[in-house]
Amino acid sequence: MDGFNVKTPEATTVSPSPQPQVNPRNPNWALWKKQNPKGFEALSSGAELASQKHGVPADMLMDLSGLETSGGTQLGSPVGHTARGYYMFNNPTLNDPYLPVNVPEDFDRNSATQSADLAAQLIKKRQLGRWAVAKGKGAGGNTLGDFYSEEEMSPYFR
């Protein structure tokens, strides 16, 4: 009767880790994602990485960039302005000697990953107020406060 009542090791299957989902709250993302699917994917990935690294909500990072750039479809500024890229970083911000984070020498404002990382670092240091859309001054009509409560945003303001 060999082989009976002998426990054989069960095969273990490793299921892939679920991919984190970034779910920005701004309903305009449905349109922006269609207009710029590659930009959406790049920003979504960059926001998730920055969120994991710095603890700032990925959804908030996405919505901030979305409000600043119409979902990554407008990465430039009008003539005479220096703001550009996924988070509309301008020259005075990037060159500010008192900026509470270090800006890499090779920083690329048009890199969704680099921009999301720098934005998350600044927001973590209570610098959310550097973006006008966070203070209720959105040029397109919406502000971050339309999608996030004061309680959700207050840890990121001075």
N, C-alpha and C. Protein backbone atom coordinates (compact mmCIF):
# COMPACT_ATOMS: atom_id res chain seq x y z
N MET A 1 0.81 -1.19 0.00
CA MET A 1 0.00 0.00 0.00
C MET A 1 0.86 1.25 0.00
N ASP A 2 1.97 1.14 -0.57
CA ASP A 2 2.82 2.31 -0.66
C ASP A 2 2.15 3.39 -1.49
N GLY A 3 2.35 4.60 -1.10
CA GLY A 3 1.81 5.72 -1.85
C GLY A 3 0.48 6.21 -1.33
N PHE A 4 -0.21 5.40 -0.51
CA PHE A 4 -1.47 5.85 0.05
C PHE A 4 -1.21 6.65 1.33
N ASN A 5 -2.03 7.64 1.56
CA ASN A 5 -1.92 8.49 2.74
C ASN A 5 -0.57 9.19 2.85
N VAL A 6 0.10 9.32 1.75
CA VAL A 6 1.37 10.06 1.73
C VAL A 6 1.08 11.42 1.11
N LYS A 7 1.42 12.43 1.84
CA LYS A 7 1.17 13.78 1.32
C LYS A 7 2.26 14.14 0.33
N THR A 8 1.83 14.54 -0.82
CA THR A 8 2.78 15.01 -1.83
C THR A 8 2.74 16.53 -1.82
N PRO A 9 3.89 17.13 -2.03
CA PRO A 9 3.89 18.60 -2.02
C PRO A 9 3.03 19.12 -3.16
N GLU A 10 2.21 20.11 -2.82
CA GLU A 10 1.37 20.72 -3.84
C GLU A 10 2.19 21.71 -4.65
N ALA A 11 1.89 21.74 -5.90
CA ALA A 11 2.57 22.70 -6.76
C ALA A 11 2.11 24.09 -6.37
N THR A 12 3.06 24.96 -6.21
CA THR A 12 2.70 26.34 -5.88
C THR A 12 2.77 27.17 -7.15
N THR A 13 1.76 27.94 -7.31
CA THR A 13 1.75 28.85 -8.45
C THR A 13 1.90 30.26 -7.94
N VAL A 14 2.70 30.98 -8.61
CA VAL A 14 2.92 32.37 -8.23
C VAL A 14 2.08 33.21 -9.17
N SER A 15 1.13 33.91 -8.59
CA SER A 15 0.33 34.79 -9.43
C SER A 15 0.99 36.15 -9.48
N PRO A 16 0.90 36.77 -10.63
CA PRO A 16 1.54 38.09 -10.75
C PRO A 16 0.89 39.09 -9.79
N SER A 17 1.70 39.97 -9.29
CA SER A 17 1.18 41.03 -8.42
C SER A 17 0.26 41.92 -9.23
N PRO A 18 -0.85 42.29 -8.62
CA PRO A 18 -1.73 43.18 -9.37
C PRO A 18 -1.05 44.51 -9.63
N GLN A 19 -1.22 45.01 -10.83
CA GLN A 19 -0.65 46.30 -11.17
C GLN A 19 -1.47 47.39 -10.50
N PRO A 20 -0.80 48.32 -9.84
CA PRO A 20 -1.55 49.40 -9.20
C PRO A 20 -2.31 50.20 -10.25
N GLN A 21 -3.48 50.62 -9.87
CA GLN A 21 -4.30 51.42 -10.76
C GLN A 21 -4.31 52.85 -10.26
N VAL A 22 -4.02 53.75 -11.13
CA VAL A 22 -4.11 55.16 -10.81
C VAL A 22 -5.48 55.62 -11.31
N ASN A 23 -6.25 56.19 -10.44
CA ASN A 23 -7.60 56.62 -10.79
C ASN A 23 -7.78 58.10 -10.50
N PRO A 24 -7.31 58.95 -11.40
CA PRO A 24 -7.50 60.39 -11.17
C PRO A 24 -8.99 60.71 -11.10
N ARG A 25 -9.32 61.74 -10.35
CA ARG A 25 -10.71 62.11 -10.11
C ARG A 25 -11.30 63.05 -11.15
N ASN A 26 -10.45 63.76 -11.86
CA ASN A 26 -10.94 64.72 -12.84
C ASN A 26 -11.58 63.96 -14.01
N PRO A 27 -12.87 64.18 -14.27
CA PRO A 27 -13.53 63.45 -15.35
C PRO A 27 -12.97 63.76 -16.74
N ASN A 28 -12.23 64.85 -16.88
CA ASN A 28 -11.63 65.18 -18.17
C ASN A 28 -10.58 64.17 -18.61
N TRP A 29 -10.10 63.34 -17.68
CA TRP A 29 -9.09 62.35 -18.04
C TRP A 29 -9.61 61.38 -19.10
N ALA A 30 -10.90 61.12 -19.14
CA ALA A 30 -11.45 60.22 -20.17
C ALA A 30 -11.13 60.76 -21.56
N LEU A 31 -11.32 62.06 -21.75
CA LEU A 31 -11.02 62.71 -23.02
C LEU A 31 -9.51 62.81 -23.24
N TRP A 32 -8.79 63.27 -22.23
CA TRP A 32 -7.34 63.46 -22.36
C TRP A 32 -6.64 62.14 -22.68
N LYS A 33 -7.11 61.06 -22.08
CA LYS A 33 -6.51 59.75 -22.32
C LYS A 33 -6.67 59.35 -23.80
N LYS A 34 -7.82 59.68 -24.37
CA LYS A 34 -8.04 59.39 -25.80
C LYS A 34 -7.16 60.27 -26.68
N GLN A 35 -7.00 61.54 -26.29
CA GLN A 35 -6.20 62.47 -27.08
C GLN A 35 -4.71 62.16 -27.02
N ASN A 36 -4.25 61.64 -25.89
CA ASN A 36 -2.82 61.44 -25.70
C ASN A 36 -2.58 60.15 -24.89
N PRO A 37 -2.88 58.98 -25.48
CA PRO A 37 -2.76 57.73 -24.71
C PRO A 37 -1.34 57.44 -24.22
N LYS A 38 -0.33 57.76 -25.03
CA LYS A 38 1.05 57.51 -24.60
C LYS A 38 1.42 58.43 -23.42
N GLY A 39 1.00 59.68 -23.51
CA GLY A 39 1.26 60.61 -22.41
C GLY A 39 0.56 60.19 -21.14
N PHE A 40 -0.68 59.69 -21.29
CA PHE A 40 -1.42 59.21 -20.12
C PHE A 40 -0.69 58.05 -19.46
N GLU A 41 -0.25 57.09 -20.26
CA GLU A 41 0.45 55.93 -19.71
C GLU A 41 1.76 56.34 -19.04
N ALA A 42 2.50 57.24 -19.68
CA ALA A 42 3.77 57.70 -19.12
C ALA A 42 3.54 58.43 -17.80
N LEU A 43 2.54 59.30 -17.78
CA LEU A 43 2.26 60.06 -16.56
C LEU A 43 1.71 59.15 -15.46
N SER A 44 0.85 58.23 -15.83
CA SER A 44 0.28 57.30 -14.86
C SER A 44 1.40 56.48 -14.21
N SER A 45 2.30 55.98 -15.02
CA SER A 45 3.43 55.21 -14.51
C SER A 45 4.34 56.08 -13.63
N GLY A 46 4.65 57.28 -14.10
CA GLY A 46 5.49 58.20 -13.32
C GLY A 46 4.85 58.59 -12.00
N ALA A 47 3.55 58.84 -12.02
CA ALA A 47 2.84 59.23 -10.80
C ALA A 47 2.82 58.08 -9.80
N GLU A 48 2.63 56.87 -10.29
CA GLU A 48 2.62 55.71 -9.39
C GLU A 48 3.99 55.49 -8.76
N LEU A 49 5.04 55.59 -9.56
CA LEU A 49 6.40 55.44 -9.01
C LEU A 49 6.70 56.52 -7.97
N ALA A 50 6.35 57.75 -8.30
CA ALA A 50 6.60 58.86 -7.37
C ALA A 50 5.78 58.69 -6.09
N SER A 51 4.57 58.21 -6.23
CA SER A 51 3.71 57.98 -5.08
C SER A 51 4.31 56.93 -4.15
N GLN A 52 4.77 55.84 -4.73
CA GLN A 52 5.39 54.78 -3.93
C GLN A 52 6.65 55.28 -3.23
N LYS A 53 7.40 56.10 -3.90
CA LYS A 53 8.68 56.60 -3.37
C LYS A 53 8.49 57.68 -2.31
N HIS A 54 7.52 58.58 -2.51
CA HIS A 54 7.41 59.75 -1.65
C HIS A 54 6.13 59.83 -0.83
N GLY A 55 5.18 58.93 -1.07
CA GLY A 55 3.98 58.89 -0.25
C GLY A 55 2.90 59.90 -0.59
N VAL A 56 3.02 60.56 -1.71
CA VAL A 56 2.01 61.51 -2.17
C VAL A 56 1.03 60.73 -3.04
N PRO A 57 -0.28 60.91 -2.88
CA PRO A 57 -1.23 60.13 -3.67
C PRO A 57 -1.03 60.28 -5.18
N ALA A 58 -0.94 59.14 -5.86
CA ALA A 58 -0.73 59.14 -7.31
C ALA A 58 -1.88 59.83 -8.03
N ASP A 59 -3.11 59.65 -7.53
CA ASP A 59 -4.27 60.28 -8.16
C ASP A 59 -4.13 61.80 -8.13
N MET A 60 -3.66 62.31 -6.99
CA MET A 60 -3.49 63.75 -6.86
C MET A 60 -2.40 64.26 -7.81
N LEU A 61 -1.32 63.50 -7.94
CA LEU A 61 -0.26 63.88 -8.88
C LEU A 61 -0.80 63.92 -10.30
N MET A 62 -1.61 62.93 -10.65
CA MET A 62 -2.21 62.90 -11.99
C MET A 62 -3.12 64.10 -12.21
N ASP A 63 -3.98 64.37 -11.23
CA ASP A 63 -4.93 65.47 -11.39
C ASP A 63 -4.24 66.82 -11.43
N LEU A 64 -3.18 66.98 -10.65
CA LEU A 64 -2.42 68.23 -10.69
C LEU A 64 -1.84 68.45 -12.08
N SER A 65 -1.20 67.43 -12.62
CA SER A 65 -0.64 67.55 -13.97
C SER A 65 -1.75 67.76 -15.00
N GLY A 66 -2.85 67.04 -14.83
CA GLY A 66 -3.96 67.18 -15.77
C GLY A 66 -4.49 68.60 -15.83
N LEU A 67 -4.62 69.22 -14.67
CA LEU A 67 -5.11 70.60 -14.62
C LEU A 67 -4.10 71.57 -15.21
N GLU A 68 -2.83 71.30 -14.99
CA GLU A 68 -1.78 72.18 -15.49
C GLU A 68 -1.57 72.08 -17.00
N THR A 69 -1.80 70.88 -17.55
CA THR A 69 -1.41 70.64 -18.95
C THR A 69 -2.52 70.06 -19.81
N SER A 70 -3.75 70.12 -19.36
CA SER A 70 -4.87 69.47 -20.07
C SER A 70 -4.53 68.02 -20.37
N GLY A 71 -4.12 67.32 -19.34
CA GLY A 71 -3.82 65.90 -19.48
C GLY A 71 -2.58 65.60 -20.28
N GLY A 72 -1.62 66.48 -20.26
CA GLY A 72 -0.39 66.26 -20.99
C GLY A 72 -0.49 66.60 -22.46
N THR A 73 -1.59 67.24 -22.87
CA THR A 73 -1.74 67.60 -24.28
C THR A 73 -1.15 68.96 -24.58
N GLN A 74 -0.86 69.75 -23.54
CA GLN A 74 -0.29 71.09 -23.72
C GLN A 74 0.90 71.26 -22.78
N LEU A 75 2.07 70.86 -23.22
CA LEU A 75 3.25 70.88 -22.36
C LEU A 75 4.06 72.17 -22.47
N GLY A 76 3.63 73.09 -23.30
CA GLY A 76 4.35 74.35 -23.46
C GLY A 76 3.61 75.50 -22.82
N SER A 77 4.20 76.68 -22.88
CA SER A 77 3.60 77.89 -22.33
C SER A 77 3.53 78.96 -23.41
N PRO A 78 2.71 79.97 -23.15
CA PRO A 78 2.68 81.10 -24.09
C PRO A 78 4.06 81.77 -24.15
N VAL A 79 4.30 82.47 -25.23
CA VAL A 79 5.56 83.19 -25.40
C VAL A 79 5.79 84.10 -24.20
N GLY A 80 7.00 84.09 -23.70
CA GLY A 80 7.36 84.94 -22.57
C GLY A 80 7.26 84.23 -21.23
N HIS A 81 6.70 83.04 -21.19
CA HIS A 81 6.61 82.27 -19.95
C HIS A 81 7.60 81.12 -20.03
N THR A 82 8.13 80.72 -18.88
CA THR A 82 9.13 79.64 -18.88
C THR A 82 8.56 78.32 -18.38
N ALA A 83 7.31 78.30 -17.96
CA ALA A 83 6.72 77.06 -17.47
C ALA A 83 6.45 76.11 -18.62
N ARG A 84 6.83 74.84 -18.41
CA ARG A 84 6.54 73.83 -19.42
C ARG A 84 6.70 72.44 -18.79
N GLY A 85 6.25 71.45 -19.54
CA GLY A 85 6.36 70.07 -19.09
C GLY A 85 5.11 69.60 -18.36
N TYR A 86 5.16 68.39 -17.87
CA TYR A 86 3.99 67.75 -17.27
C TYR A 86 3.47 68.45 -16.01
N TYR A 87 4.31 69.19 -15.32
CA TYR A 87 3.87 69.90 -14.12
C TYR A 87 4.11 71.40 -14.22
N MET A 88 4.38 71.88 -15.42
CA MET A 88 4.59 73.30 -15.69
C MET A 88 5.61 73.92 -14.74
N PHE A 89 6.73 73.23 -14.57
CA PHE A 89 7.81 73.82 -13.79
C PHE A 89 8.37 75.00 -14.56
N ASN A 90 8.57 76.13 -13.87
CA ASN A 90 9.14 77.30 -14.53
C ASN A 90 10.58 77.51 -14.08
N ASN A 91 11.29 78.36 -14.78
CA ASN A 91 12.70 78.61 -14.47
C ASN A 91 12.90 79.15 -13.06
N PRO A 92 12.08 80.12 -12.59
CA PRO A 92 12.30 80.59 -11.21
C PRO A 92 12.18 79.48 -10.18
N THR A 93 11.28 78.54 -10.36
CA THR A 93 11.16 77.42 -9.41
C THR A 93 12.38 76.52 -9.50
N LEU A 94 12.74 76.14 -10.71
CA LEU A 94 13.85 75.20 -10.87
C LEU A 94 15.19 75.80 -10.46
N ASN A 95 15.32 77.12 -10.52
CA ASN A 95 16.58 77.78 -10.16
C ASN A 95 16.55 78.40 -8.77
N ASP A 96 15.49 78.18 -8.02
CA ASP A 96 15.34 78.75 -6.68
C ASP A 96 16.38 78.14 -5.73
N PRO A 97 17.31 78.95 -5.22
CA PRO A 97 18.34 78.39 -4.34
C PRO A 97 17.77 77.89 -3.01
N TYR A 98 16.55 78.29 -2.68
CA TYR A 98 15.93 77.87 -1.43
C TYR A 98 14.91 76.74 -1.62
N LEU A 99 14.84 76.20 -2.83
CA LEU A 99 13.93 75.10 -3.10
C LEU A 99 14.28 73.96 -2.15
N PRO A 100 13.28 73.36 -1.47
CA PRO A 100 13.59 72.36 -0.44
C PRO A 100 13.97 70.99 -0.98
N VAL A 101 14.16 70.86 -2.28
CA VAL A 101 14.61 69.60 -2.88
C VAL A 101 15.69 69.92 -3.91
N ASN A 102 16.45 68.93 -4.26
CA ASN A 102 17.49 69.12 -5.27
C ASN A 102 16.95 68.77 -6.64
N VAL A 103 17.14 69.67 -7.58
CA VAL A 103 16.74 69.43 -8.96
C VAL A 103 17.94 68.83 -9.67
N PRO A 104 17.80 67.64 -10.25
CA PRO A 104 18.94 67.03 -10.96
C PRO A 104 19.44 67.91 -12.10
N GLU A 105 20.74 67.88 -12.34
CA GLU A 105 21.34 68.66 -13.43
C GLU A 105 20.69 68.36 -14.77
N ASP A 106 20.35 67.10 -14.99
CA ASP A 106 19.80 66.67 -16.28
C ASP A 106 18.27 66.58 -16.25
N PHE A 107 17.64 67.35 -15.36
CA PHE A 107 16.18 67.30 -15.22
C PHE A 107 15.50 67.66 -16.54
N ASP A 108 14.55 66.82 -16.93
CA ASP A 108 13.79 67.01 -18.17
C ASP A 108 12.32 67.24 -17.81
N ARG A 109 11.85 68.46 -17.97
CA ARG A 109 10.47 68.80 -17.63
C ARG A 109 9.46 68.00 -18.44
N ASN A 110 9.86 67.56 -19.63
CA ASN A 110 8.95 66.80 -20.48
C ASN A 110 9.00 65.29 -20.22
N SER A 111 9.77 64.89 -19.23
CA SER A 111 9.77 63.49 -18.80
C SER A 111 8.70 63.35 -17.72
N ALA A 112 7.70 62.54 -18.00
CA ALA A 112 6.63 62.34 -17.03
C ALA A 112 7.17 61.75 -15.73
N THR A 113 8.12 60.84 -15.83
CA THR A 113 8.66 60.20 -14.63
C THR A 113 9.46 61.19 -13.79
N GLN A 114 10.37 61.94 -14.42
CA GLN A 114 11.17 62.91 -13.67
C GLN A 114 10.31 64.01 -13.09
N SER A 115 9.35 64.48 -13.87
CA SER A 115 8.49 65.57 -13.40
C SER A 115 7.60 65.13 -12.25
N ALA A 116 7.02 63.93 -12.35
CA ALA A 116 6.17 63.43 -11.27
C ALA A 116 7.00 63.24 -10.00
N ASP A 117 8.23 62.78 -10.15
CA ASP A 117 9.09 62.59 -8.98
C ASP A 117 9.39 63.93 -8.30
N LEU A 118 9.76 64.93 -9.09
CA LEU A 118 10.07 66.23 -8.51
C LEU A 118 8.81 66.85 -7.89
N ALA A 119 7.68 66.74 -8.56
CA ALA A 119 6.42 67.27 -8.02
C ALA A 119 6.10 66.59 -6.69
N ALA A 120 6.25 65.28 -6.63
CA ALA A 120 5.95 64.55 -5.38
C ALA A 120 6.88 64.98 -4.25
N GLN A 121 8.15 65.19 -4.58
CA GLN A 121 9.10 65.65 -3.55
C GLN A 121 8.67 67.00 -2.99
N LEU A 122 8.29 67.91 -3.90
CA LEU A 122 7.88 69.25 -3.47
C LEU A 122 6.59 69.19 -2.66
N ILE A 123 5.64 68.41 -3.12
CA ILE A 123 4.36 68.31 -2.42
C ILE A 123 4.56 67.71 -1.04
N LYS A 124 5.41 66.70 -0.95
CA LYS A 124 5.71 66.08 0.35
C LYS A 124 6.31 67.12 1.31
N LYS A 125 7.04 68.08 0.77
CA LYS A 125 7.65 69.14 1.59
C LYS A 125 6.69 70.32 1.78
N ARG A 126 5.41 70.07 1.59
CA ARG A 126 4.35 71.07 1.82
C ARG A 126 4.42 72.24 0.84
N GLN A 127 4.75 71.93 -0.41
CA GLN A 127 4.90 72.96 -1.44
C GLN A 127 3.78 72.91 -2.49
N LEU A 128 2.64 72.29 -2.17
CA LEU A 128 1.55 72.20 -3.14
C LEU A 128 1.10 73.58 -3.61
N GLY A 129 1.24 74.58 -2.77
CA GLY A 129 0.85 75.94 -3.11
C GLY A 129 1.66 76.57 -4.23
N ARG A 130 2.72 75.92 -4.67
CA ARG A 130 3.50 76.44 -5.81
C ARG A 130 2.69 76.38 -7.11
N TRP A 131 1.67 75.54 -7.15
CA TRP A 131 0.81 75.42 -8.32
C TRP A 131 -0.47 76.20 -8.09
N ALA A 132 -0.75 77.15 -8.97
CA ALA A 132 -1.94 78.00 -8.83
C ALA A 132 -3.22 77.17 -8.81
N VAL A 133 -3.28 76.08 -9.57
CA VAL A 133 -4.50 75.27 -9.61
C VAL A 133 -4.79 74.61 -8.27
N ALA A 134 -3.79 74.52 -7.42
CA ALA A 134 -4.01 73.96 -6.08
C ALA A 134 -4.62 74.98 -5.13
N LYS A 135 -4.47 76.26 -5.48
CA LYS A 135 -4.97 77.33 -4.61
C LYS A 135 -6.28 77.92 -5.10
N GLY A 136 -6.88 77.30 -6.11
CA GLY A 136 -8.16 77.80 -6.60
C GLY A 136 -8.05 78.82 -7.70
N LYS A 137 -6.96 78.78 -8.46
CA LYS A 137 -6.76 79.76 -9.53
C LYS A 137 -6.50 79.07 -10.86
N GLY A 138 -7.29 78.08 -11.18
CA GLY A 138 -7.08 77.35 -12.43
C GLY A 138 -7.51 78.14 -13.64
N ALA A 139 -6.65 78.21 -14.62
CA ALA A 139 -6.96 78.97 -15.83
C ALA A 139 -8.09 78.33 -16.62
N GLY A 140 -8.22 77.01 -16.54
CA GLY A 140 -9.25 76.32 -17.30
C GLY A 140 -10.57 76.20 -16.58
N GLY A 141 -10.68 76.77 -15.41
CA GLY A 141 -11.93 76.71 -14.68
C GLY A 141 -11.91 75.77 -13.49
N ASN A 142 -11.30 74.59 -13.64
CA ASN A 142 -11.24 73.65 -12.53
C ASN A 142 -10.00 73.90 -11.69
N THR A 143 -10.11 73.50 -10.43
CA THR A 143 -8.97 73.56 -9.52
C THR A 143 -8.86 72.22 -8.81
N LEU A 144 -7.77 71.98 -8.15
CA LEU A 144 -7.58 70.73 -7.42
C LEU A 144 -8.65 70.58 -6.34
N GLY A 145 -9.09 71.71 -5.78
CA GLY A 145 -10.12 71.69 -4.76
C GLY A 145 -11.48 71.21 -5.27
N ASP A 146 -11.65 71.15 -6.58
CA ASP A 146 -12.89 70.59 -7.14
C ASP A 146 -12.93 69.08 -7.00
N PHE A 147 -11.78 68.46 -6.77
CA PHE A 147 -11.70 67.01 -6.74
C PHE A 147 -11.17 66.45 -5.42
N TYR A 148 -10.60 67.33 -4.59
CA TYR A 148 -10.01 66.90 -3.32
C TYR A 148 -10.50 67.82 -2.21
N SER A 149 -10.77 67.25 -1.07
CA SER A 149 -11.24 68.05 0.06
C SER A 149 -10.08 68.82 0.67
N GLU A 150 -10.43 69.81 1.45
CA GLU A 150 -9.40 70.60 2.15
C GLU A 150 -8.58 69.69 3.06
N GLU A 151 -9.25 68.72 3.67
CA GLU A 151 -8.54 67.78 4.56
C GLU A 151 -7.52 66.94 3.80
N GLU A 152 -7.84 66.59 2.57
CA GLU A 152 -6.91 65.79 1.77
C GLU A 152 -5.71 66.61 1.32
N MET A 153 -5.93 67.88 1.06
CA MET A 153 -4.85 68.73 0.54
C MET A 153 -4.05 69.42 1.65
N SER A 154 -4.64 69.67 2.80
CA SER A 154 -3.98 70.48 3.82
C SER A 154 -2.61 69.95 4.28
N PRO A 155 -2.36 68.64 4.31
CA PRO A 155 -1.02 68.21 4.72
C PRO A 155 0.08 68.64 3.74
N TYR A 156 -0.31 69.08 2.56
CA TYR A 156 0.67 69.40 1.54
C TYR A 156 0.88 70.90 1.34
N PHE A 157 0.18 71.70 2.16
CA PHE A 157 0.37 73.16 2.15
C PHE A 157 1.15 73.56 3.38
N ARG A 158 1.85 74.69 3.28
CA ARG A 158 2.56 75.24 4.46
C ARG A 158 1.56 75.77 5.45
